[in-house]
Amino acid sequence: MTYVIAEPCVDVLDRACVEECPVDCIYEGGRMLYIHPDECVDCGACEPVCPVEAIFYEDDVPAEWADYTRANVDFFDDLGSPGGASKTGKVAKDDPMVAGLPPMGEDH
């Protein structure tokens, strides 16, 4: 089990969760953040600091955002497990589902 970042993060990218994560497993894509399922230690530190309430324990992801569980896994298909987001920096891609969404976030 792991934590999942869902739709409220799209085009927001607040990064408060990144600063709170003790294992550096939250990676930045083009339009949202993604939690690496193999690097996450399920500590839950990221969840309460998310200002848009986009982070859920895998079993608690709302039904309307269930596809984000898959998106958080598939984002790492090409990237693999680099062992830390700070080493990787921003990744200029998103899961295709996320990439295909209309503009979102507070400004849209």
PDB file of N, CA and C in Angstrom:
ATOM      1  N   MET A   1       0.835  -1.193   0.000  1.00  0.00           N
ATOM      2  CA  MET A   1       0.000   0.000   0.000  1.00  0.00           C
ATOM      3  C   MET A   1       0.874   1.249   0.000  1.00  0.00           C
ATOM      4  N   THR A   2       0.311   2.331  -0.514  1.00  0.00           N
ATOM      5  CA  THR A   2       1.043   3.581  -0.596  1.00  0.00           C
ATOM      6  C   THR A   2       0.059   4.745  -0.608  1.00  0.00           C
ATOM      7  N   TYR A   3       0.586   5.925  -0.604  1.00  0.00           N
ATOM      8  CA  TYR A   3      -0.243   7.117  -0.748  1.00  0.00           C
ATOM      9  C   TYR A   3      -0.317   7.493  -2.210  1.00  0.00           C
ATOM     10  N   VAL A   4      -1.399   8.176  -2.581  1.00  0.00           N
ATOM     11  CA  VAL A   4      -1.688   8.525  -3.970  1.00  0.00           C
ATOM     12  C   VAL A   4      -2.038  10.010  -4.029  1.00  0.00           C
ATOM     13  N   ILE A   5      -1.535  10.683  -5.048  1.00  0.00           N
ATOM     14  CA  ILE A   5      -1.912  12.071  -5.302  1.00  0.00           C
ATOM     15  C   ILE A   5      -2.959  12.061  -6.405  1.00  0.00           C
ATOM     16  N   ALA A   6      -4.071  12.768  -6.173  1.00  0.00           N
ATOM     17  CA  ALA A   6      -5.205  12.738  -7.097  1.00  0.00           C
ATOM     18  C   ALA A   6      -5.431  14.105  -7.768  1.00  0.00           C
ATOM     19  N   GLU A   7      -6.548  14.209  -8.453  1.00  0.00           N
ATOM     20  CA  GLU A   7      -6.868  15.337  -9.327  1.00  0.00           C
ATOM     21  C   GLU A   7      -6.736  16.738  -8.717  1.00  0.00           C
ATOM     22  N   PRO A   8      -7.029  16.958  -7.439  1.00  0.00           N
ATOM     23  CA  PRO A   8      -6.901  18.326  -6.932  1.00  0.00           C
ATOM     24  C   PRO A   8      -5.500  18.920  -7.083  1.00  0.00           C
ATOM     25  N   CYS A   9      -4.481  18.094  -7.294  1.00  0.00           N
ATOM     26  CA  CYS A   9      -3.109  18.583  -7.462  1.00  0.00           C
ATOM     27  C   CYS A   9      -2.834  19.074  -8.880  1.00  0.00           C
ATOM     28  N   VAL A  10      -3.619  18.635  -9.851  1.00  0.00           N
ATOM     29  CA  VAL A  10      -3.344  18.974 -11.247  1.00  0.00           C
ATOM     30  C   VAL A  10      -3.317  20.489 -11.422  1.00  0.00           C
ATOM     31  N   ASP A  11      -2.219  20.974 -11.981  1.00  0.00           N
ATOM     32  CA  ASP A  11      -1.958  22.392 -12.256  1.00  0.00           C
ATOM     33  C   ASP A  11      -1.824  23.245 -11.004  1.00  0.00           C
ATOM     34  N   VAL A  12      -1.725  22.635  -9.824  1.00  0.00           N
ATOM     35  CA  VAL A  12      -1.519  23.384  -8.586  1.00  0.00           C
ATOM     36  C   VAL A  12      -0.053  23.259  -8.151  1.00  0.00           C
ATOM     37  N   LEU A  13       0.444  22.024  -8.018  1.00  0.00           N
ATOM     38  CA  LEU A  13       1.842  21.758  -7.688  1.00  0.00           C
ATOM     39  C   LEU A  13       2.352  22.574  -6.499  1.00  0.00           C
ATOM     40  N   ASP A  14       1.641  22.536  -5.393  1.00  0.00           N
ATOM     41  CA  ASP A  14       1.995  23.332  -4.216  1.00  0.00           C
ATOM     42  C   ASP A  14       3.359  22.967  -3.615  1.00  0.00           C
ATOM     43  N   ARG A  15       3.719  21.710  -3.582  1.00  0.00           N
ATOM     44  CA  ARG A  15       5.003  21.198  -3.097  1.00  0.00           C
ATOM     45  C   ARG A  15       5.166  21.173  -1.581  1.00  0.00           C
ATOM     46  N   ALA A  16       4.161  21.537  -0.797  1.00  0.00           N
ATOM     47  CA  ALA A  16       4.277  21.420   0.664  1.00  0.00           C
ATOM     48  C   ALA A  16       4.531  19.967   1.046  1.00  0.00           C
ATOM     49  N   CYS A  17       3.930  19.047   0.324  1.00  0.00           N
ATOM     50  CA  CYS A  17       4.117  17.621   0.591  1.00  0.00           C
ATOM     51  C   CYS A  17       5.553  17.196   0.318  1.00  0.00           C
ATOM     52  N   VAL A  18       6.169  17.758  -0.705  1.00  0.00           N
ATOM     53  CA  VAL A  18       7.554  17.424  -1.054  1.00  0.00           C
ATOM     54  C   VAL A  18       8.477  17.797   0.096  1.00  0.00           C
ATOM     55  N   GLU A  19       8.257  18.969   0.656  1.00  0.00           N
ATOM     56  CA  GLU A  19       9.085  19.436   1.768  1.00  0.00           C
ATOM     57  C   GLU A  19       8.912  18.570   3.011  1.00  0.00           C
ATOM     58  N   GLU A  20       7.742  17.990   3.186  1.00  0.00           N
ATOM     59  CA  GLU A  20       7.434  17.194   4.382  1.00  0.00           C
ATOM     60  C   GLU A  20       7.867  15.735   4.264  1.00  0.00           C
ATOM     61  N   CYS A  21       8.027  15.238   3.057  1.00  0.00           N
ATOM     62  CA  CYS A  21       8.324  13.816   2.827  1.00  0.00           C
ATOM     63  C   CYS A  21       9.734  13.459   3.310  1.00  0.00           C
ATOM     64  N   PRO A  22       9.835  12.541   4.283  1.00  0.00           N
ATOM     65  CA  PRO A  22      11.153  12.192   4.824  1.00  0.00           C
ATOM     66  C   PRO A  22      11.986  11.289   3.913  1.00  0.00           C
ATOM     67  N   VAL A  23      11.360  10.672   2.905  1.00  0.00           N
ATOM     68  CA  VAL A  23      12.097   9.753   2.037  1.00  0.00           C
ATOM     69  C   VAL A  23      12.215  10.256   0.601  1.00  0.00           C
ATOM     70  N   ASP A  24      11.795  11.492   0.335  1.00  0.00           N
ATOM     71  CA  ASP A  24      11.996  12.120  -0.986  1.00  0.00           C
ATOM     72  C   ASP A  24      11.372  11.297  -2.117  1.00  0.00           C
ATOM     73  N   CYS A  25      10.128  10.837  -1.904  1.00  0.00           N
ATOM     74  CA  CYS A  25       9.491   9.971  -2.901  1.00  0.00           C
ATOM     75  C   CYS A  25       8.391  10.665  -3.704  1.00  0.00           C
ATOM     76  N   ILE A  26       8.262  11.989  -3.580  1.00  0.00           N
ATOM     77  CA  ILE A  26       7.235  12.719  -4.319  1.00  0.00           C
ATOM     78  C   ILE A  26       7.911  13.460  -5.464  1.00  0.00           C
ATOM     79  N   TYR A  27       7.590  13.035  -6.671  1.00  0.00           N
ATOM     80  CA  TYR A  27       8.231  13.536  -7.886  1.00  0.00           C
ATOM     81  C   TYR A  27       7.319  14.538  -8.585  1.00  0.00           C
ATOM     82  N   GLU A  28       7.932  15.509  -9.247  1.00  0.00           N
ATOM     83  CA  GLU A  28       7.169  16.531  -9.953  1.00  0.00           C
ATOM     84  C   GLU A  28       7.135  16.241 -11.444  1.00  0.00           C
ATOM     85  N   GLY A  29       5.916  16.103 -11.959  1.00  0.00           N
ATOM     86  CA  GLY A  29       5.727  15.972 -13.389  1.00  0.00           C
ATOM     87  C   GLY A  29       5.409  17.341 -13.975  1.00  0.00           C
ATOM     88  N   GLY A  30       4.955  17.367 -15.198  1.00  0.00           N
ATOM     89  CA  GLY A  30       4.644  18.631 -15.840  1.00  0.00           C
ATOM     90  C   GLY A  30       3.454  19.355 -15.232  1.00  0.00           C
ATOM     91  N   ARG A  31       2.415  18.596 -14.823  1.00  0.00           N
ATOM     92  CA  ARG A  31       1.183  19.211 -14.341  1.00  0.00           C
ATOM     93  C   ARG A  31       0.787  18.820 -12.930  1.00  0.00           C
ATOM     94  N   MET A  32       1.411  17.795 -12.368  1.00  0.00           N
ATOM     95  CA  MET A  32       1.069  17.388 -11.001  1.00  0.00           C
ATOM     96  C   MET A  32       2.231  16.656 -10.368  1.00  0.00           C
ATOM     97  N   LEU A  33       2.090  16.358  -9.096  1.00  0.00           N
ATOM     98  CA  LEU A  33       3.083  15.594  -8.351  1.00  0.00           C
ATOM     99  C   LEU A  33       2.638  14.133  -8.287  1.00  0.00           C
ATOM    100  N   TYR A  34       3.614  13.235  -8.176  1.00  0.00           N
ATOM    101  CA  TYR A  34       3.350  11.797  -8.147  1.00  0.00           C
ATOM    102  C   TYR A  34       4.152  11.160  -7.022  1.00  0.00           C
ATOM    103  N   ILE A  35       3.533  10.230  -6.303  1.00  0.00           N
ATOM    104  CA  ILE A  35       4.223   9.497  -5.245  1.00  0.00           C
ATOM    105  C   ILE A  35       4.705   8.161  -5.804  1.00  0.00           C
ATOM    106  N   HIS A  36       5.993   7.908  -5.645  1.00  0.00           N
ATOM    107  CA  HIS A  36       6.567   6.652  -6.137  1.00  0.00           C
ATOM    108  C   HIS A  36       6.099   5.515  -5.222  1.00  0.00           C
ATOM    109  N   PRO A  37       5.350   4.548  -5.753  1.00  0.00           N
ATOM    110  CA  PRO A  37       4.767   3.500  -4.906  1.00  0.00           C
ATOM    111  C   PRO A  37       5.802   2.590  -4.251  1.00  0.00           C
ATOM    112  N   ASP A  38       6.980   2.437  -4.838  1.00  0.00           N
ATOM    113  CA  ASP A  38       7.999   1.569  -4.255  1.00  0.00           C
ATOM    114  C   ASP A  38       8.894   2.300  -3.267  1.00  0.00           C
ATOM    115  N   GLU A  39       8.934   3.607  -3.346  1.00  0.00           N
ATOM    116  CA  GLU A  39       9.795   4.393  -2.451  1.00  0.00           C
ATOM    117  C   GLU A  39       9.036   4.932  -1.234  1.00  0.00           C
ATOM    118  N   CYS A  40       7.712   5.040  -1.335  1.00  0.00           N
ATOM    119  CA  CYS A  40       6.890   5.550  -0.237  1.00  0.00           C
ATOM    120  C   CYS A  40       6.928   4.559   0.926  1.00  0.00           C
ATOM    121  N   VAL A  41       7.123   5.088   2.144  1.00  0.00           N
ATOM    122  CA  VAL A  41       7.167   4.239   3.336  1.00  0.00           C
ATOM    123  C   VAL A  41       5.868   4.328   4.135  1.00  0.00           C
ATOM    124  N   ASP A  42       4.834   4.894   3.541  1.00  0.00           N
ATOM    125  CA  ASP A  42       3.509   4.977   4.157  1.00  0.00           C
ATOM    126  C   ASP A  42       3.496   5.719   5.491  1.00  0.00           C
ATOM    127  N   CYS A  43       4.323   6.732   5.632  1.00  0.00           N
ATOM    128  CA  CYS A  43       4.378   7.460   6.906  1.00  0.00           C
ATOM    129  C   CYS A  43       3.207   8.427   7.065  1.00  0.00           C
ATOM    130  N   GLY A  44       2.643   8.890   5.941  1.00  0.00           N
ATOM    131  CA  GLY A  44       1.502   9.795   5.996  1.00  0.00           C
ATOM    132  C   GLY A  44       1.838  11.249   6.247  1.00  0.00           C
ATOM    133  N   ALA A  45       3.102  11.607   6.297  1.00  0.00           N
ATOM    134  CA  ALA A  45       3.494  12.992   6.579  1.00  0.00           C
ATOM    135  C   ALA A  45       2.996  13.969   5.515  1.00  0.00           C
ATOM    136  N   CYS A  46       2.861  13.512   4.304  1.00  0.00           N
ATOM    137  CA  CYS A  46       2.451  14.373   3.193  1.00  0.00           C
ATOM    138  C   CYS A  46       0.967  14.748   3.236  1.00  0.00           C
ATOM    139  N   GLU A  47       0.150  13.855   3.696  1.00  0.00           N
ATOM    140  CA  GLU A  47      -1.309  14.028   3.617  1.00  0.00           C
ATOM    141  C   GLU A  47      -1.828  15.279   4.335  1.00  0.00           C
ATOM    142  N   PRO A  48      -1.485  15.524   5.596  1.00  0.00           N
ATOM    143  CA  PRO A  48      -2.076  16.672   6.276  1.00  0.00           C
ATOM    144  C   PRO A  48      -1.569  18.035   5.797  1.00  0.00           C
ATOM    145  N   VAL A  49      -0.430  18.085   5.114  1.00  0.00           N
ATOM    146  CA  VAL A  49       0.101  19.381   4.674  1.00  0.00           C
ATOM    147  C   VAL A  49      -0.364  19.788   3.289  1.00  0.00           C
ATOM    148  N   CYS A  50      -1.061  18.911   2.586  1.00  0.00           N
ATOM    149  CA  CYS A  50      -1.539  19.227   1.236  1.00  0.00           C
ATOM    150  C   CYS A  50      -2.674  20.254   1.326  1.00  0.00           C
ATOM    151  N   PRO A  51      -2.466  21.459   0.779  1.00  0.00           N
ATOM    152  CA  PRO A  51      -3.480  22.512   0.909  1.00  0.00           C
ATOM    153  C   PRO A  51      -4.747  22.260   0.090  1.00  0.00           C
ATOM    154  N   VAL A  52      -4.677  21.376  -0.912  1.00  0.00           N
ATOM    155  CA  VAL A  52      -5.854  21.100  -1.737  1.00  0.00           C
ATOM    156  C   VAL A  52      -6.435  19.716  -1.470  1.00  0.00           C
ATOM    157  N   GLU A  53      -5.933  19.040  -0.423  1.00  0.00           N
ATOM    158  CA  GLU A  53      -6.427  17.718  -0.017  1.00  0.00           C
ATOM    159  C   GLU A  53      -6.440  16.728  -1.181  1.00  0.00           C
ATOM    160  N   ALA A  54      -5.298  16.633  -1.852  1.00  0.00           N
ATOM    161  CA  ALA A  54      -5.167  15.763  -3.012  1.00  0.00           C
ATOM    162  C   ALA A  54      -4.535  14.420  -2.687  1.00  0.00           C
ATOM    163  N   ILE A  55      -4.059  14.226  -1.458  1.00  0.00           N
ATOM    164  CA  ILE A  55      -3.316  13.015  -1.102  1.00  0.00           C
ATOM    165  C   ILE A  55      -4.182  12.092  -0.255  1.00  0.00           C
ATOM    166  N   PHE A  56      -4.207  10.822  -0.673  1.00  0.00           N
ATOM    167  CA  PHE A  56      -5.033   9.816  -0.009  1.00  0.00           C
ATOM    168  C   PHE A  56      -4.247   8.531   0.177  1.00  0.00           C
ATOM    169  N   TYR A  57      -4.531   7.828   1.258  1.00  0.00           N
ATOM    170  CA  TYR A  57      -4.024   6.464   1.385  1.00  0.00           C
ATOM    171  C   TYR A  57      -4.690   5.660   0.274  1.00  0.00           C
ATOM    172  N   GLU A  58      -3.963   4.748  -0.323  1.00  0.00           N
ATOM    173  CA  GLU A  58      -4.450   4.018  -1.499  1.00  0.00           C
ATOM    174  C   GLU A  58      -5.863   3.458  -1.331  1.00  0.00           C
ATOM    175  N   ASP A  59      -6.177   2.909  -0.183  1.00  0.00           N
ATOM    176  CA  ASP A  59      -7.509   2.340   0.047  1.00  0.00           C
ATOM    177  C   ASP A  59      -8.596   3.403   0.202  1.00  0.00           C
ATOM    178  N   ASP A  60      -8.193   4.655   0.404  1.00  0.00           N
ATOM    179  CA  ASP A  60      -9.148   5.731   0.668  1.00  0.00           C
ATOM    180  C   ASP A  60      -9.336   6.700  -0.494  1.00  0.00           C
ATOM    181  N   VAL A  61      -8.755   6.409  -1.654  1.00  0.00           N
ATOM    182  CA  VAL A  61      -8.915   7.289  -2.807  1.00  0.00           C
ATOM    183  C   VAL A  61     -10.395   7.294  -3.200  1.00  0.00           C
ATOM    184  N   PRO A  62     -11.007   8.490  -3.300  1.00  0.00           N
ATOM    185  CA  PRO A  62     -12.422   8.547  -3.709  1.00  0.00           C
ATOM    186  C   PRO A  62     -12.636   7.884  -5.071  1.00  0.00           C
ATOM    187  N   ALA A  63     -13.789   7.276  -5.244  1.00  0.00           N
ATOM    188  CA  ALA A  63     -14.092   6.516  -6.463  1.00  0.00           C
ATOM    189  C   ALA A  63     -13.894   7.342  -7.728  1.00  0.00           C
ATOM    190  N   GLU A  64     -14.252   8.628  -7.685  1.00  0.00           N
ATOM    191  CA  GLU A  64     -14.133   9.451  -8.893  1.00  0.00           C
ATOM    192  C   GLU A  64     -12.671   9.706  -9.286  1.00  0.00           C
ATOM    193  N   TRP A  65     -11.739   9.437  -8.383  1.00  0.00           N
ATOM    194  CA  TRP A  65     -10.319   9.637  -8.672  1.00  0.00           C
ATOM    195  C   TRP A  65      -9.542   8.327  -8.644  1.00  0.00           C
ATOM    196  N   ALA A  66     -10.220   7.217  -8.743  1.00  0.00           N
ATOM    197  CA  ALA A  66      -9.568   5.906  -8.665  1.00  0.00           C
ATOM    198  C   ALA A  66      -8.473   5.730  -9.713  1.00  0.00           C
ATOM    199  N   ASP A  67      -8.627   6.330 -10.888  1.00  0.00           N
ATOM    200  CA  ASP A  67      -7.613   6.197 -11.940  1.00  0.00           C
ATOM    201  C   ASP A  67      -6.278   6.827 -11.560  1.00  0.00           C
ATOM    202  N   TYR A  68      -6.274   7.688 -10.559  1.00  0.00           N
ATOM    203  CA  TYR A  68      -5.022   8.312 -10.138  1.00  0.00           C
ATOM    204  C   TYR A  68      -4.102   7.330  -9.417  1.00  0.00           C
ATOM    205  N   THR A  69      -4.649   6.257  -8.885  1.00  0.00           N
ATOM    206  CA  THR A  69      -3.802   5.214  -8.299  1.00  0.00           C
ATOM    207  C   THR A  69      -2.939   4.621  -9.403  1.00  0.00           C
ATOM    208  N   ARG A  70      -3.546   4.283 -10.507  1.00  0.00           N
ATOM    209  CA  ARG A  70      -2.806   3.762 -11.656  1.00  0.00           C
ATOM    210  C   ARG A  70      -1.848   4.813 -12.208  1.00  0.00           C
ATOM    211  N   ALA A  71      -2.288   6.069 -12.304  1.00  0.00           N
ATOM    212  CA  ALA A  71      -1.446   7.139 -12.843  1.00  0.00           C
ATOM    213  C   ALA A  71      -0.177   7.319 -12.014  1.00  0.00           C
ATOM    214  N   ASN A  72      -0.297   7.206 -10.683  1.00  0.00           N
ATOM    215  CA  ASN A  72       0.875   7.354  -9.814  1.00  0.00           C
ATOM    216  C   ASN A  72       1.857   6.198 -10.000  1.00  0.00           C
ATOM    217  N   VAL A  73       1.383   5.052 -10.428  1.00  0.00           N
ATOM    218  CA  VAL A  73       2.263   3.914 -10.710  1.00  0.00           C
ATOM    219  C   VAL A  73       2.855   4.050 -12.108  1.00  0.00           C
ATOM    220  N   ASP A  74       1.998   4.301 -13.098  1.00  0.00           N
ATOM    221  CA  ASP A  74       2.436   4.343 -14.494  1.00  0.00           C
ATOM    222  C   ASP A  74       3.404   5.489 -14.794  1.00  0.00           C
ATOM    223  N   PHE A  75       3.328   6.571 -14.033  1.00  0.00           N
ATOM    224  CA  PHE A  75       4.247   7.694 -14.233  1.00  0.00           C
ATOM    225  C   PHE A  75       5.703   7.225 -14.157  1.00  0.00           C
ATOM    226  N   PHE A  76       5.959   6.186 -13.374  1.00  0.00           N
ATOM    227  CA  PHE A  76       7.320   5.716 -13.148  1.00  0.00           C
ATOM    228  C   PHE A  76       7.749   4.589 -14.082  1.00  0.00           C
ATOM    229  N   ASP A  77       6.910   4.223 -15.071  1.00  0.00           N
ATOM    230  CA  ASP A  77       7.262   3.147 -15.996  1.00  0.00           C
ATOM    231  C   ASP A  77       8.607   3.403 -16.677  1.00  0.00           C
ATOM    232  N   ASP A  78       8.809   4.585 -17.234  1.00  0.00           N
ATOM    233  CA  ASP A  78      10.067   4.909 -17.912  1.00  0.00           C
ATOM    234  C   ASP A  78      11.131   5.405 -16.945  1.00  0.00           C
ATOM    235  N   LEU A  79      10.714   6.052 -15.884  1.00  0.00           N
ATOM    236  CA  LEU A  79      11.634   6.662 -14.922  1.00  0.00           C
ATOM    237  C   LEU A  79      12.291   5.624 -14.008  1.00  0.00           C
ATOM    238  N   GLY A  80      11.565   4.555 -13.728  1.00  0.00           N
ATOM    239  CA  GLY A  80      12.081   3.531 -12.829  1.00  0.00           C
ATOM    240  C   GLY A  80      12.035   3.991 -11.387  1.00  0.00           C
ATOM    241  N   SER A  81      13.026   3.591 -10.613  1.00  0.00           N
ATOM    242  CA  SER A  81      13.119   3.965  -9.206  1.00  0.00           C
ATOM    243  C   SER A  81      14.458   4.658  -8.978  1.00  0.00           C
ATOM    244  N   PRO A  82      14.502   5.967  -9.240  1.00  0.00           N
ATOM    245  CA  PRO A  82      15.778   6.683  -9.142  1.00  0.00           C
ATOM    246  C   PRO A  82      16.290   6.880  -7.723  1.00  0.00           C
ATOM    247  N   GLY A  83      15.466   6.598  -6.725  1.00  0.00           N
ATOM    248  CA  GLY A  83      15.929   6.692  -5.348  1.00  0.00           C
ATOM    249  C   GLY A  83      15.926   8.082  -4.761  1.00  0.00           C
ATOM    250  N   GLY A  84      15.036   8.921  -5.244  1.00  0.00           N
ATOM    251  CA  GLY A  84      14.897  10.248  -4.666  1.00  0.00           C
ATOM    252  C   GLY A  84      14.535  11.299  -5.697  1.00  0.00           C
ATOM    253  N   ALA A  85      13.498  12.040  -5.395  1.00  0.00           N
ATOM    254  CA  ALA A  85      13.024  13.064  -6.314  1.00  0.00           C
ATOM    255  C   ALA A  85      13.994  14.224  -6.444  1.00  0.00           C
ATOM    256  N   SER A  86      14.691  14.566  -5.379  1.00  0.00           N
ATOM    257  CA  SER A  86      15.601  15.715  -5.448  1.00  0.00           C
ATOM    258  C   SER A  86      16.749  15.465  -6.425  1.00  0.00           C
ATOM    259  N   LYS A  87      17.142  14.215  -6.603  1.00  0.00           N
ATOM    260  CA  LYS A  87      18.187  13.877  -7.576  1.00  0.00           C
ATOM    261  C   LYS A  87      17.671  13.984  -9.007  1.00  0.00           C
ATOM    262  N   THR A  88      16.381  13.778  -9.170  1.00  0.00           N
ATOM    263  CA  THR A  88      15.780  13.718 -10.500  1.00  0.00           C
ATOM    264  C   THR A  88      15.363  15.090 -11.003  1.00  0.00           C
ATOM    265  N   GLY A  89      14.829  15.919 -10.112  1.00  0.00           N
ATOM    266  CA  GLY A  89      14.296  17.209 -10.532  1.00  0.00           C
ATOM    267  C   GLY A  89      12.962  17.036 -11.237  1.00  0.00           C
ATOM    268  N   LYS A  90      12.464  18.114 -11.812  1.00  0.00           N
ATOM    269  CA  LYS A  90      11.174  18.074 -12.502  1.00  0.00           C
ATOM    270  C   LYS A  90      11.280  17.182 -13.735  1.00  0.00           C
ATOM    271  N   VAL A  91      10.276  16.336 -13.913  1.00  0.00           N
ATOM    272  CA  VAL A  91      10.205  15.437 -15.055  1.00  0.00           C
ATOM    273  C   VAL A  91       9.232  16.056 -16.053  1.00  0.00           C
ATOM    274  N   ALA A  92       9.663  16.269 -17.260  1.00  0.00           N
ATOM    275  CA  ALA A  92       8.858  16.967 -18.260  1.00  0.00           C
ATOM    276  C   ALA A  92       7.853  16.041 -18.929  1.00  0.00           C
ATOM    277  N   LYS A  93       7.037  15.376 -18.122  1.00  0.00           N
ATOM    278  CA  LYS A  93       5.979  14.512 -18.650  1.00  0.00           C
ATOM    279  C   LYS A  93       4.941  14.306 -17.574  1.00  0.00           C
ATOM    280  N   ASP A  94       3.823  13.742 -17.969  1.00  0.00           N
ATOM    281  CA  ASP A  94       2.761  13.347 -17.049  1.00  0.00           C
ATOM    282  C   ASP A  94       2.180  12.039 -17.537  1.00  0.00           C
ATOM    283  N   ASP A  95       1.423  11.387 -16.669  1.00  0.00           N
ATOM    284  CA  ASP A  95       0.648  10.245 -17.102  1.00  0.00           C
ATOM    285  C   ASP A  95      -0.277  10.738 -18.213  1.00  0.00           C
ATOM    286  N   PRO A  96      -0.523   9.951 -19.268  1.00  0.00           N
ATOM    287  CA  PRO A  96      -1.373  10.406 -20.369  1.00  0.00           C
ATOM    288  C   PRO A  96      -2.756  10.895 -19.936  1.00  0.00           C
ATOM    289  N   MET A  97      -3.338  10.284 -18.919  1.00  0.00           N
ATOM    290  CA  MET A  97      -4.646  10.732 -18.433  1.00  0.00           C
ATOM    291  C   MET A  97      -4.553  12.172 -17.930  1.00  0.00           C
ATOM    292  N   VAL A  98      -3.508  12.472 -17.169  1.00  0.00           N
ATOM    293  CA  VAL A  98      -3.308  13.802 -16.619  1.00  0.00           C
ATOM    294  C   VAL A  98      -2.982  14.785 -17.729  1.00  0.00           C
ATOM    295  N   ALA A  99      -2.112  14.383 -18.637  1.00  0.00           N
ATOM    296  CA  ALA A  99      -1.720  15.253 -19.746  1.00  0.00           C
ATOM    297  C   ALA A  99      -2.923  15.668 -20.603  1.00  0.00           C
ATOM    298  N   GLY A 100      -3.916  14.795 -20.707  1.00  0.00           N
ATOM    299  CA  GLY A 100      -5.087  15.066 -21.520  1.00  0.00           C
ATOM    300  C   GLY A 100      -6.170  15.890 -20.862  1.00  0.00           C
ATOM    301  N   LEU A 101      -6.006  16.217 -19.589  1.00  0.00           N
ATOM    302  CA  LEU A 101      -7.034  17.010 -18.883  1.00  0.00           C
ATOM    303  C   LEU A 101      -7.010  18.476 -19.325  1.00  0.00           C
ATOM    304  N   PRO A 102      -8.178  19.146 -19.279  1.00  0.00           N
ATOM    305  CA  PRO A 102      -8.177  20.587 -19.558  1.00  0.00           C
ATOM    306  C   PRO A 102      -7.456  21.315 -18.430  1.00  0.00           C
ATOM    307  N   PRO A 103      -7.060  22.580 -18.633  1.00  0.00           N
ATOM    308  CA  PRO A 103      -6.415  23.329 -17.549  1.00  0.00           C
ATOM    309  C   PRO A 103      -7.273  23.326 -16.292  1.00  0.00           C
ATOM    310  N   MET A 104      -6.595  23.164 -15.145  1.00  0.00           N
ATOM    311  CA  MET A 104      -7.288  23.092 -13.863  1.00  0.00           C
ATOM    312  C   MET A 104      -6.550  23.950 -12.851  1.00  0.00           C
ATOM    313  N   GLY A 105      -6.949  23.829 -11.601  1.00  0.00           N
ATOM    314  CA  GLY A 105      -6.267  24.546 -10.536  1.00  0.00           C
ATOM    315  C   GLY A 105      -6.983  25.823 -10.183  1.00  0.00           C
ATOM    316  N   GLU A 106      -6.374  26.556  -9.271  1.00  0.00           N
ATOM    317  CA  GLU A 106      -7.005  27.746  -8.722  1.00  0.00           C
ATOM    318  C   GLU A 106      -7.182  28.855  -9.754  1.00  0.00           C
ATOM    319  N   ASP A 107      -6.304  28.933 -10.745  1.00  0.00           N
ATOM    320  CA  ASP A 107      -6.362  30.018 -11.715  1.00  0.00           C
ATOM    321  C   ASP A 107      -7.261  29.719 -12.905  1.00  0.00           C
ATOM    322  N   HIS A 108      -7.855  28.512 -12.958  1.00  0.00           N
ATOM    323  CA  HIS A 108      -8.664  28.132 -14.127  1.00  0.00           C
ATOM    324  C   HIS A 108     -10.070  27.798 -13.744  1.00  0.00           C
TER     325      HIS A 108
END
